[in-house]
Amino acid sequence: MPGIGEGGAVRLTTPFFNIYGVITLVGGAIYSSLLFWRKRVLPNRVVGNILIAAGAILIAFASTLTRLGYGEYLYLGELLAAVLMFVGFRYAAKPA
């Protein structure tokens, strides 16, 4: 492919894999949260899954900003996303 350097084809395909990964993670967390909310059981898992989804959206947004040239926000986004997902996991895993 003209104009694409070494490894360029891989760089062109990664956004598609990342998009599906984010949709799967966020969609799964929200779906799980809605199931627990509808059944009115384990409210800690509702909150925990929402925090996990928020962390996944945050890191996806930070990665998108990096791709658009605003790389200074990546590490802050990674830190906040990791904290949100860890707190969400701990919250969802605690006994009701």
PDB file of N, CA and C in Angstrom:
ATOM      1  N   MET A   1       0.842  -1.177   0.000  1.00  0.00           N
ATOM      2  CA  MET A   1       0.000   0.000   0.000  1.00  0.00           C
ATOM      3  C   MET A   1       0.889   1.243   0.000  1.00  0.00           C
ATOM      4  N   PRO A   2       0.743   2.088  -0.954  1.00  0.00           N
ATOM      5  CA  PRO A   2       1.562   3.292  -0.997  1.00  0.00           C
ATOM      6  C   PRO A   2       1.191   4.254   0.131  1.00  0.00           C
ATOM      7  N   GLY A   3       2.217   4.852   0.736  1.00  0.00           N
ATOM      8  CA  GLY A   3       1.977   5.841   1.779  1.00  0.00           C
ATOM      9  C   GLY A   3       1.830   5.263   3.172  1.00  0.00           C
ATOM     10  N   ILE A   4       1.825   3.947   3.284  1.00  0.00           N
ATOM     11  CA  ILE A   4       1.705   3.324   4.604  1.00  0.00           C
ATOM     12  C   ILE A   4       3.049   2.708   4.933  1.00  0.00           C
ATOM     13  N   GLY A   5       3.632   3.144   6.038  1.00  0.00           N
ATOM     14  CA  GLY A   5       4.941   2.648   6.442  1.00  0.00           C
ATOM     15  C   GLY A   5       4.857   1.234   6.975  1.00  0.00           C
ATOM     16  N   GLU A   6       6.013   0.757   7.447  1.00  0.00           N
ATOM     17  CA  GLU A   6       6.071  -0.593   8.007  1.00  0.00           C
ATOM     18  C   GLU A   6       5.145  -0.691   9.217  1.00  0.00           C
ATOM     19  N   GLY A   7       4.295  -1.677   9.233  1.00  0.00           N
ATOM     20  CA  GLY A   7       3.321  -1.835  10.309  1.00  0.00           C
ATOM     21  C   GLY A   7       2.101  -0.951  10.154  1.00  0.00           C
ATOM     22  N   GLY A   8       2.020  -0.199   9.083  1.00  0.00           N
ATOM     23  CA  GLY A   8       0.907   0.727   8.882  1.00  0.00           C
ATOM     24  C   GLY A   8      -0.426   0.038   8.701  1.00  0.00           C
ATOM     25  N   ALA A   9      -0.406  -1.134   8.060  1.00  0.00           N
ATOM     26  CA  ALA A   9      -1.660  -1.864   7.863  1.00  0.00           C
ATOM     27  C   ALA A   9      -2.249  -2.292   9.201  1.00  0.00           C
ATOM     28  N   VAL A  10      -1.388  -2.656  10.126  1.00  0.00           N
ATOM     29  CA  VAL A  10      -1.861  -3.047  11.461  1.00  0.00           C
ATOM     30  C   VAL A  10      -2.460  -1.838  12.165  1.00  0.00           C
ATOM     31  N   ARG A  11      -1.808  -0.692  12.049  1.00  0.00           N
ATOM     32  CA  ARG A  11      -2.319   0.529  12.681  1.00  0.00           C
ATOM     33  C   ARG A  11      -3.680   0.936  12.105  1.00  0.00           C
ATOM     34  N   LEU A  12      -3.905   0.622  10.855  1.00  0.00           N
ATOM     35  CA  LEU A  12      -5.198   0.956  10.250  1.00  0.00           C
ATOM     36  C   LEU A  12      -6.326   0.044  10.732  1.00  0.00           C
ATOM     37  N   THR A  13      -5.993  -1.185  11.112  1.00  0.00           N
ATOM     38  CA  THR A  13      -7.032  -2.124  11.546  1.00  0.00           C
ATOM     39  C   THR A  13      -7.316  -2.070  13.044  1.00  0.00           C
ATOM     40  N   THR A  14      -6.385  -1.538  13.842  1.00  0.00           N
ATOM     41  CA  THR A  14      -6.595  -1.544  15.296  1.00  0.00           C
ATOM     42  C   THR A  14      -7.828  -0.782  15.756  1.00  0.00           C
ATOM     43  N   PRO A  15      -8.206   0.350  15.143  1.00  0.00           N
ATOM     44  CA  PRO A  15      -9.427   1.005  15.633  1.00  0.00           C
ATOM     45  C   PRO A  15     -10.665   0.112  15.557  1.00  0.00           C
ATOM     46  N   PHE A  16     -10.747  -0.735  14.547  1.00  0.00           N
ATOM     47  CA  PHE A  16     -11.918  -1.608  14.437  1.00  0.00           C
ATOM     48  C   PHE A  16     -11.970  -2.620  15.578  1.00  0.00           C
ATOM     49  N   PHE A  17     -10.816  -3.183  15.931  1.00  0.00           N
ATOM     50  CA  PHE A  17     -10.780  -4.127  17.046  1.00  0.00           C
ATOM     51  C   PHE A  17     -11.066  -3.413  18.366  1.00  0.00           C
ATOM     52  N   ASN A  18     -10.533  -2.215  18.521  1.00  0.00           N
ATOM     53  CA  ASN A  18     -10.757  -1.466  19.751  1.00  0.00           C
ATOM     54  C   ASN A  18     -12.220  -1.073  19.912  1.00  0.00           C
ATOM     55  N   ILE A  19     -12.850  -0.694  18.815  1.00  0.00           N
ATOM     56  CA  ILE A  19     -14.259  -0.313  18.888  1.00  0.00           C
ATOM     57  C   ILE A  19     -15.114  -1.499  19.338  1.00  0.00           C
ATOM     58  N   TYR A  20     -14.879  -2.663  18.754  1.00  0.00           N
ATOM     59  CA  TYR A  20     -15.655  -3.840  19.146  1.00  0.00           C
ATOM     60  C   TYR A  20     -15.361  -4.250  20.586  1.00  0.00           C
ATOM     61  N   GLY A  21     -14.134  -4.093  21.021  1.00  0.00           N
ATOM     62  CA  GLY A  21     -13.786  -4.412  22.404  1.00  0.00           C
ATOM     63  C   GLY A  21     -14.492  -3.499  23.392  1.00  0.00           C
ATOM     64  N   VAL A  22     -14.523  -2.209  23.079  1.00  0.00           N
ATOM     65  CA  VAL A  22     -15.199  -1.249  23.957  1.00  0.00           C
ATOM     66  C   VAL A  22     -16.698  -1.517  23.976  1.00  0.00           C
ATOM     67  N   ILE A  23     -17.271  -1.759  22.822  1.00  0.00           N
ATOM     68  CA  ILE A  23     -18.710  -2.043  22.762  1.00  0.00           C
ATOM     69  C   ILE A  23     -19.046  -3.299  23.568  1.00  0.00           C
ATOM     70  N   THR A  24     -18.207  -4.317  23.461  1.00  0.00           N
ATOM     71  CA  THR A  24     -18.450  -5.547  24.197  1.00  0.00           C
ATOM     72  C   THR A  24     -18.329  -5.339  25.700  1.00  0.00           C
ATOM     73  N   LEU A  25     -17.267  -4.665  26.139  1.00  0.00           N
ATOM     74  CA  LEU A  25     -17.055  -4.449  27.572  1.00  0.00           C
ATOM     75  C   LEU A  25     -18.118  -3.543  28.162  1.00  0.00           C
ATOM     76  N   VAL A  26     -18.342  -2.403  27.540  1.00  0.00           N
ATOM     77  CA  VAL A  26     -19.326  -1.445  28.059  1.00  0.00           C
ATOM     78  C   VAL A  26     -20.736  -2.022  27.944  1.00  0.00           C
ATOM     79  N   GLY A  27     -21.044  -2.606  26.802  1.00  0.00           N
ATOM     80  CA  GLY A  27     -22.371  -3.205  26.625  1.00  0.00           C
ATOM     81  C   GLY A  27     -22.642  -4.326  27.608  1.00  0.00           C
ATOM     82  N   GLY A  28     -21.649  -5.173  27.832  1.00  0.00           N
ATOM     83  CA  GLY A  28     -21.808  -6.268  28.795  1.00  0.00           C
ATOM     84  C   GLY A  28     -22.007  -5.761  30.206  1.00  0.00           C
ATOM     85  N   ALA A  29     -21.243  -4.743  30.592  1.00  0.00           N
ATOM     86  CA  ALA A  29     -21.376  -4.190  31.945  1.00  0.00           C
ATOM     87  C   ALA A  29     -22.735  -3.522  32.133  1.00  0.00           C
ATOM     88  N   ILE A  30     -23.173  -2.769  31.142  1.00  0.00           N
ATOM     89  CA  ILE A  30     -24.478  -2.110  31.258  1.00  0.00           C
ATOM     90  C   ILE A  30     -25.605  -3.129  31.228  1.00  0.00           C
ATOM     91  N   TYR A  31     -25.491  -4.129  30.368  1.00  0.00           N
ATOM     92  CA  TYR A  31     -26.512  -5.171  30.308  1.00  0.00           C
ATOM     93  C   TYR A  31     -26.613  -5.906  31.649  1.00  0.00           C
ATOM     94  N   SER A  32     -25.481  -6.263  32.211  1.00  0.00           N
ATOM     95  CA  SER A  32     -25.471  -6.936  33.506  1.00  0.00           C
ATOM     96  C   SER A  32     -26.070  -6.048  34.589  1.00  0.00           C
ATOM     97  N   SER A  33     -25.726  -4.778  34.538  1.00  0.00           N
ATOM     98  CA  SER A  33     -26.271  -3.832  35.503  1.00  0.00           C
ATOM     99  C   SER A  33     -27.789  -3.732  35.392  1.00  0.00           C
ATOM    100  N   LEU A  34     -28.288  -3.679  34.158  1.00  0.00           N
ATOM    101  CA  LEU A  34     -29.740  -3.605  33.964  1.00  0.00           C
ATOM    102  C   LEU A  34     -30.453  -4.870  34.453  1.00  0.00           C
ATOM    103  N   LEU A  35     -29.841  -6.025  34.252  1.00  0.00           N
ATOM    104  CA  LEU A  35     -30.457  -7.267  34.732  1.00  0.00           C
ATOM    105  C   LEU A  35     -30.604  -7.266  36.250  1.00  0.00           C
ATOM    106  N   PHE A  36     -29.534  -6.875  36.954  1.00  0.00           N
ATOM    107  CA  PHE A  36     -29.612  -6.830  38.418  1.00  0.00           C
ATOM    108  C   PHE A  36     -30.591  -5.769  38.885  1.00  0.00           C
ATOM    109  N   TRP A  37     -30.655  -4.639  38.180  1.00  0.00           N
ATOM    110  CA  TRP A  37     -31.558  -3.567  38.572  1.00  0.00           C
ATOM    111  C   TRP A  37     -33.016  -3.987  38.388  1.00  0.00           C
ATOM    112  N   ARG A  38     -33.311  -4.652  37.266  1.00  0.00           N
ATOM    113  CA  ARG A  38     -34.686  -5.113  37.015  1.00  0.00           C
ATOM    114  C   ARG A  38     -35.151  -6.151  38.026  1.00  0.00           C
ATOM    115  N   LYS A  39     -34.241  -7.040  38.407  1.00  0.00           N
ATOM    116  CA  LYS A  39     -34.580  -8.088  39.371  1.00  0.00           C
ATOM    117  C   LYS A  39     -34.603  -7.572  40.805  1.00  0.00           C
ATOM    118  N   ARG A  40     -34.109  -6.360  41.013  1.00  0.00           N
ATOM    119  CA  ARG A  40     -34.052  -5.752  42.337  1.00  0.00           C
ATOM    120  C   ARG A  40     -33.218  -6.587  43.320  1.00  0.00           C
ATOM    121  N   VAL A  41     -32.134  -7.144  42.817  1.00  0.00           N
ATOM    122  CA  VAL A  41     -31.217  -7.911  43.667  1.00  0.00           C
ATOM    123  C   VAL A  41     -29.805  -7.354  43.492  1.00  0.00           C
ATOM    124  N   LEU A  42     -29.000  -7.526  44.500  1.00  0.00           N
ATOM    125  CA  LEU A  42     -27.587  -7.142  44.490  1.00  0.00           C
ATOM    126  C   LEU A  42     -27.354  -5.737  43.930  1.00  0.00           C
ATOM    127  N   PRO A  43     -27.840  -4.719  44.630  1.00  0.00           N
ATOM    128  CA  PRO A  43     -27.658  -3.343  44.136  1.00  0.00           C
ATOM    129  C   PRO A  43     -26.180  -2.938  44.038  1.00  0.00           C
ATOM    130  N   ASN A  44     -25.319  -3.599  44.809  1.00  0.00           N
ATOM    131  CA  ASN A  44     -23.898  -3.288  44.710  1.00  0.00           C
ATOM    132  C   ASN A  44     -23.340  -3.671  43.331  1.00  0.00           C
ATOM    133  N   ARG A  45     -23.901  -4.686  42.709  1.00  0.00           N
ATOM    134  CA  ARG A  45     -23.443  -5.067  41.369  1.00  0.00           C
ATOM    135  C   ARG A  45     -23.926  -4.094  40.306  1.00  0.00           C
ATOM    136  N   VAL A  46     -25.065  -3.475  40.541  1.00  0.00           N
ATOM    137  CA  VAL A  46     -25.549  -2.451  39.610  1.00  0.00           C
ATOM    138  C   VAL A  46     -24.547  -1.300  39.581  1.00  0.00           C
ATOM    139  N   VAL A  47     -24.204  -0.800  40.760  1.00  0.00           N
ATOM    140  CA  VAL A  47     -23.266   0.326  40.862  1.00  0.00           C
ATOM    141  C   VAL A  47     -21.882  -0.087  40.362  1.00  0.00           C
ATOM    142  N   GLY A  48     -21.429  -1.271  40.746  1.00  0.00           N
ATOM    143  CA  GLY A  48     -20.116  -1.748  40.328  1.00  0.00           C
ATOM    144  C   GLY A  48     -19.983  -1.860  38.819  1.00  0.00           C
ATOM    145  N   ASN A  49     -20.984  -2.402  38.168  1.00  0.00           N
ATOM    146  CA  ASN A  49     -20.949  -2.538  36.714  1.00  0.00           C
ATOM    147  C   ASN A  49     -21.005  -1.183  36.011  1.00  0.00           C
ATOM    148  N   ILE A  50     -21.727  -0.245  36.577  1.00  0.00           N
ATOM    149  CA  ILE A  50     -21.765   1.096  35.997  1.00  0.00           C
ATOM    150  C   ILE A  50     -20.383   1.753  36.103  1.00  0.00           C
ATOM    151  N   LEU A  51     -19.705   1.559  37.227  1.00  0.00           N
ATOM    152  CA  LEU A  51     -18.354   2.109  37.380  1.00  0.00           C
ATOM    153  C   LEU A  51     -17.378   1.461  36.397  1.00  0.00           C
ATOM    154  N   ILE A  52     -17.511   0.166  36.190  1.00  0.00           N
ATOM    155  CA  ILE A  52     -16.654  -0.537  35.225  1.00  0.00           C
ATOM    156  C   ILE A  52     -16.897   0.001  33.812  1.00  0.00           C
ATOM    157  N   ALA A  53     -18.159   0.189  33.461  1.00  0.00           N
ATOM    158  CA  ALA A  53     -18.486   0.737  32.140  1.00  0.00           C
ATOM    159  C   ALA A  53     -17.947   2.157  31.991  1.00  0.00           C
ATOM    160  N   ALA A  54     -18.055   2.959  33.040  1.00  0.00           N
ATOM    161  CA  ALA A  54     -17.541   4.333  32.989  1.00  0.00           C
ATOM    162  C   ALA A  54     -16.028   4.338  32.808  1.00  0.00           C
ATOM    163  N   GLY A  55     -15.331   3.433  33.471  1.00  0.00           N
ATOM    164  CA  GLY A  55     -13.884   3.338  33.307  1.00  0.00           C
ATOM    165  C   GLY A  55     -13.499   2.936  31.896  1.00  0.00           C
ATOM    166  N   ALA A  56     -14.237   2.016  31.321  1.00  0.00           N
ATOM    167  CA  ALA A  56     -13.952   1.582  29.948  1.00  0.00           C
ATOM    168  C   ALA A  56     -14.203   2.711  28.952  1.00  0.00           C
ATOM    169  N   ILE A  57     -15.265   3.467  29.159  1.00  0.00           N
ATOM    170  CA  ILE A  57     -15.550   4.601  28.274  1.00  0.00           C
ATOM    171  C   ILE A  57     -14.471   5.670  28.419  1.00  0.00           C
ATOM    172  N   LEU A  58     -14.008   5.883  29.646  1.00  0.00           N
ATOM    173  CA  LEU A  58     -12.986   6.894  29.885  1.00  0.00           C
ATOM    174  C   LEU A  58     -11.673   6.560  29.178  1.00  0.00           C
ATOM    175  N   ILE A  59     -11.216   5.317  29.273  1.00  0.00           N
ATOM    176  CA  ILE A  59      -9.964   4.961  28.610  1.00  0.00           C
ATOM    177  C   ILE A  59     -10.128   4.974  27.094  1.00  0.00           C
ATOM    178  N   ALA A  60     -11.287   4.613  26.599  1.00  0.00           N
ATOM    179  CA  ALA A  60     -11.523   4.685  25.155  1.00  0.00           C
ATOM    180  C   ALA A  60     -11.476   6.132  24.681  1.00  0.00           C
ATOM    181  N   PHE A  61     -12.039   7.026  25.459  1.00  0.00           N
ATOM    182  CA  PHE A  61     -12.024   8.443  25.110  1.00  0.00           C
ATOM    183  C   PHE A  61     -10.606   9.006  25.158  1.00  0.00           C
ATOM    184  N   ALA A  62      -9.849   8.631  26.191  1.00  0.00           N
ATOM    185  CA  ALA A  62      -8.464   9.090  26.304  1.00  0.00           C
ATOM    186  C   ALA A  62      -7.616   8.568  25.139  1.00  0.00           C
ATOM    187  N   SER A  63      -7.850   7.331  24.730  1.00  0.00           N
ATOM    188  CA  SER A  63      -7.116   6.772  23.592  1.00  0.00           C
ATOM    189  C   SER A  63      -7.483   7.483  22.296  1.00  0.00           C
ATOM    190  N   THR A  64      -8.741   7.842  22.158  1.00  0.00           N
ATOM    191  CA  THR A  64      -9.180   8.568  20.973  1.00  0.00           C
ATOM    192  C   THR A  64      -8.530   9.952  20.928  1.00  0.00           C
ATOM    193  N   LEU A  65      -8.451  10.615  22.077  1.00  0.00           N
ATOM    194  CA  LEU A  65      -7.786  11.916  22.119  1.00  0.00           C
ATOM    195  C   LEU A  65      -6.319  11.790  21.721  1.00  0.00           C
ATOM    196  N   THR A  66      -5.671  10.707  22.142  1.00  0.00           N
ATOM    197  CA  THR A  66      -4.277  10.482  21.772  1.00  0.00           C
ATOM    198  C   THR A  66      -4.148  10.321  20.270  1.00  0.00           C
ATOM    199  N   ARG A  67      -5.050   9.579  19.691  1.00  0.00           N
ATOM    200  CA  ARG A  67      -5.033   9.350  18.243  1.00  0.00           C
ATOM    201  C   ARG A  67      -5.239  10.659  17.475  1.00  0.00           C
ATOM    202  N   LEU A  68      -5.963  11.604  18.098  1.00  0.00           N
ATOM    203  CA  LEU A  68      -6.230  12.889  17.462  1.00  0.00           C
ATOM    204  C   LEU A  68      -5.139  13.919  17.748  1.00  0.00           C
ATOM    205  N   GLY A  69      -4.102  13.508  18.486  1.00  0.00           N
ATOM    206  CA  GLY A  69      -2.984  14.406  18.714  1.00  0.00           C
ATOM    207  C   GLY A  69      -2.913  15.030  20.090  1.00  0.00           C
ATOM    208  N   TYR A  70      -3.794  14.648  20.991  1.00  0.00           N
ATOM    209  CA  TYR A  70      -3.785  15.184  22.347  1.00  0.00           C
ATOM    210  C   TYR A  70      -3.290  14.120  23.322  1.00  0.00           C
ATOM    211  N   GLY A  71      -2.044  13.718  23.160  1.00  0.00           N
ATOM    212  CA  GLY A  71      -1.477  12.614  23.939  1.00  0.00           C
ATOM    213  C   GLY A  71      -1.236  12.924  25.393  1.00  0.00           C
ATOM    214  N   GLU A  72      -1.271  14.199  25.770  1.00  0.00           N
ATOM    215  CA  GLU A  72      -0.989  14.555  27.160  1.00  0.00           C
ATOM    216  C   GLU A  72      -2.073  14.078  28.129  1.00  0.00           C
ATOM    217  N   TYR A  73      -3.214  13.685  27.623  1.00  0.00           N
ATOM    218  CA  TYR A  73      -4.298  13.226  28.489  1.00  0.00           C
ATOM    219  C   TYR A  73      -4.334  11.702  28.661  1.00  0.00           C
ATOM    220  N   LEU A  74      -3.494  10.996  27.947  1.00  0.00           N
ATOM    221  CA  LEU A  74      -3.557   9.535  27.966  1.00  0.00           C
ATOM    222  C   LEU A  74      -3.271   8.964  29.348  1.00  0.00           C
ATOM    223  N   TYR A  75      -2.185   9.398  29.977  1.00  0.00           N
ATOM    224  CA  TYR A  75      -1.814   8.796  31.254  1.00  0.00           C
ATOM    225  C   TYR A  75      -2.807   9.133  32.357  1.00  0.00           C
ATOM    226  N   LEU A  76      -3.324  10.342  32.352  1.00  0.00           N
ATOM    227  CA  LEU A  76      -4.357  10.699  33.319  1.00  0.00           C
ATOM    228  C   LEU A  76      -5.615   9.874  33.074  1.00  0.00           C
ATOM    229  N   GLY A  77      -5.977   9.703  31.815  1.00  0.00           N
ATOM    230  CA  GLY A  77      -7.146   8.887  31.473  1.00  0.00           C
ATOM    231  C   GLY A  77      -6.960   7.438  31.881  1.00  0.00           C
ATOM    232  N   GLU A  78      -5.757   6.888  31.665  1.00  0.00           N
ATOM    233  CA  GLU A  78      -5.475   5.511  32.079  1.00  0.00           C
ATOM    234  C   GLU A  78      -5.577   5.360  33.592  1.00  0.00           C
ATOM    235  N   LEU A  79      -5.020   6.327  34.319  1.00  0.00           N
ATOM    236  CA  LEU A  79      -5.080   6.265  35.778  1.00  0.00           C
ATOM    237  C   LEU A  79      -6.520   6.314  36.274  1.00  0.00           C
ATOM    238  N   LEU A  80      -7.280   7.281  35.801  1.00  0.00           N
ATOM    239  CA  LEU A  80      -8.671   7.416  36.249  1.00  0.00           C
ATOM    240  C   LEU A  80      -9.510   6.205  35.841  1.00  0.00           C
ATOM    241  N   ALA A  81      -9.288   5.690  34.645  1.00  0.00           N
ATOM    242  CA  ALA A  81     -10.033   4.524  34.184  1.00  0.00           C
ATOM    243  C   ALA A  81      -9.700   3.302  35.032  1.00  0.00           C
ATOM    244  N   ALA A  82      -8.421   3.111  35.343  1.00  0.00           N
ATOM    245  CA  ALA A  82      -8.018   1.972  36.173  1.00  0.00           C
ATOM    246  C   ALA A  82      -8.627   2.078  37.565  1.00  0.00           C
ATOM    247  N   VAL A  83      -8.639   3.277  38.124  1.00  0.00           N
ATOM    248  CA  VAL A  83      -9.231   3.471  39.449  1.00  0.00           C
ATOM    249  C   VAL A  83     -10.730   3.193  39.402  1.00  0.00           C
ATOM    250  N   LEU A  84     -11.422   3.725  38.399  1.00  0.00           N
ATOM    251  CA  LEU A  84     -12.868   3.489  38.288  1.00  0.00           C
ATOM    252  C   LEU A  84     -13.190   2.002  38.142  1.00  0.00           C
ATOM    253  N   MET A  85     -12.450   1.317  37.281  1.00  0.00           N
ATOM    254  CA  MET A  85     -12.736  -0.105  37.060  1.00  0.00           C
ATOM    255  C   MET A  85     -12.380  -0.938  38.290  1.00  0.00           C
ATOM    256  N   PHE A  86     -11.296  -0.585  38.990  1.00  0.00           N
ATOM    257  CA  PHE A  86     -10.925  -1.315  40.204  1.00  0.00           C
ATOM    258  C   PHE A  86     -11.965  -1.107  41.297  1.00  0.00           C
ATOM    259  N   VAL A  87     -12.374   0.136  41.496  1.00  0.00           N
ATOM    260  CA  VAL A  87     -13.399   0.420  42.510  1.00  0.00           C
ATOM    261  C   VAL A  87     -14.703  -0.279  42.131  1.00  0.00           C
ATOM    262  N   GLY A  88     -15.056  -0.260  40.849  1.00  0.00           N
ATOM    263  CA  GLY A  88     -16.262  -0.953  40.401  1.00  0.00           C
ATOM    264  C   GLY A  88     -16.197  -2.447  40.642  1.00  0.00           C
ATOM    265  N   PHE A  89     -15.033  -3.042  40.355  1.00  0.00           N
ATOM    266  CA  PHE A  89     -14.866  -4.475  40.608  1.00  0.00           C
ATOM    267  C   PHE A  89     -14.982  -4.783  42.093  1.00  0.00           C
ATOM    268  N   ARG A  90     -14.304  -3.997  42.921  1.00  0.00           N
ATOM    269  CA  ARG A  90     -14.359  -4.224  44.376  1.00  0.00           C
ATOM    270  C   ARG A  90     -15.776  -4.035  44.902  1.00  0.00           C
ATOM    271  N   TYR A  91     -16.455  -3.024  44.391  1.00  0.00           N
ATOM    272  CA  TYR A  91     -17.828  -2.758  44.834  1.00  0.00           C
ATOM    273  C   TYR A  91     -18.769  -3.887  44.414  1.00  0.00           C
ATOM    274  N   ALA A  92     -18.612  -4.378  43.209  1.00  0.00           N
ATOM    275  CA  ALA A  92     -19.483  -5.445  42.718  1.00  0.00           C
ATOM    276  C   ALA A  92     -19.183  -6.771  43.407  1.00  0.00           C
ATOM    277  N   ALA A  93     -17.950  -6.975  43.829  1.00  0.00           N
ATOM    278  CA  ALA A  93     -17.554  -8.245  44.431  1.00  0.00           C
ATOM    279  C   ALA A  93     -17.857  -8.344  45.919  1.00  0.00           C
ATOM    280  N   LYS A  94     -18.153  -7.232  46.570  1.00  0.00           N
ATOM    281  CA  LYS A  94     -18.394  -7.287  48.007  1.00  0.00           C
ATOM    282  C   LYS A  94     -19.750  -7.938  48.294  1.00  0.00           C
ATOM    283  N   PRO A  95     -19.871  -8.557  49.452  1.00  0.00           N
ATOM    284  CA  PRO A  95     -21.155  -9.200  49.804  1.00  0.00           C
ATOM    285  C   PRO A  95     -22.276  -8.185  49.900  1.00  0.00           C
ATOM    286  N   ALA A  96     -23.461  -8.616  49.552  1.00  0.00           N
ATOM    287  CA  ALA A  96     -24.627  -7.710  49.563  1.00  0.00           C
ATOM    288  C   ALA A  96     -24.989  -7.265  50.947  1.00  0.00           C
TER     289      ALA A  96
END
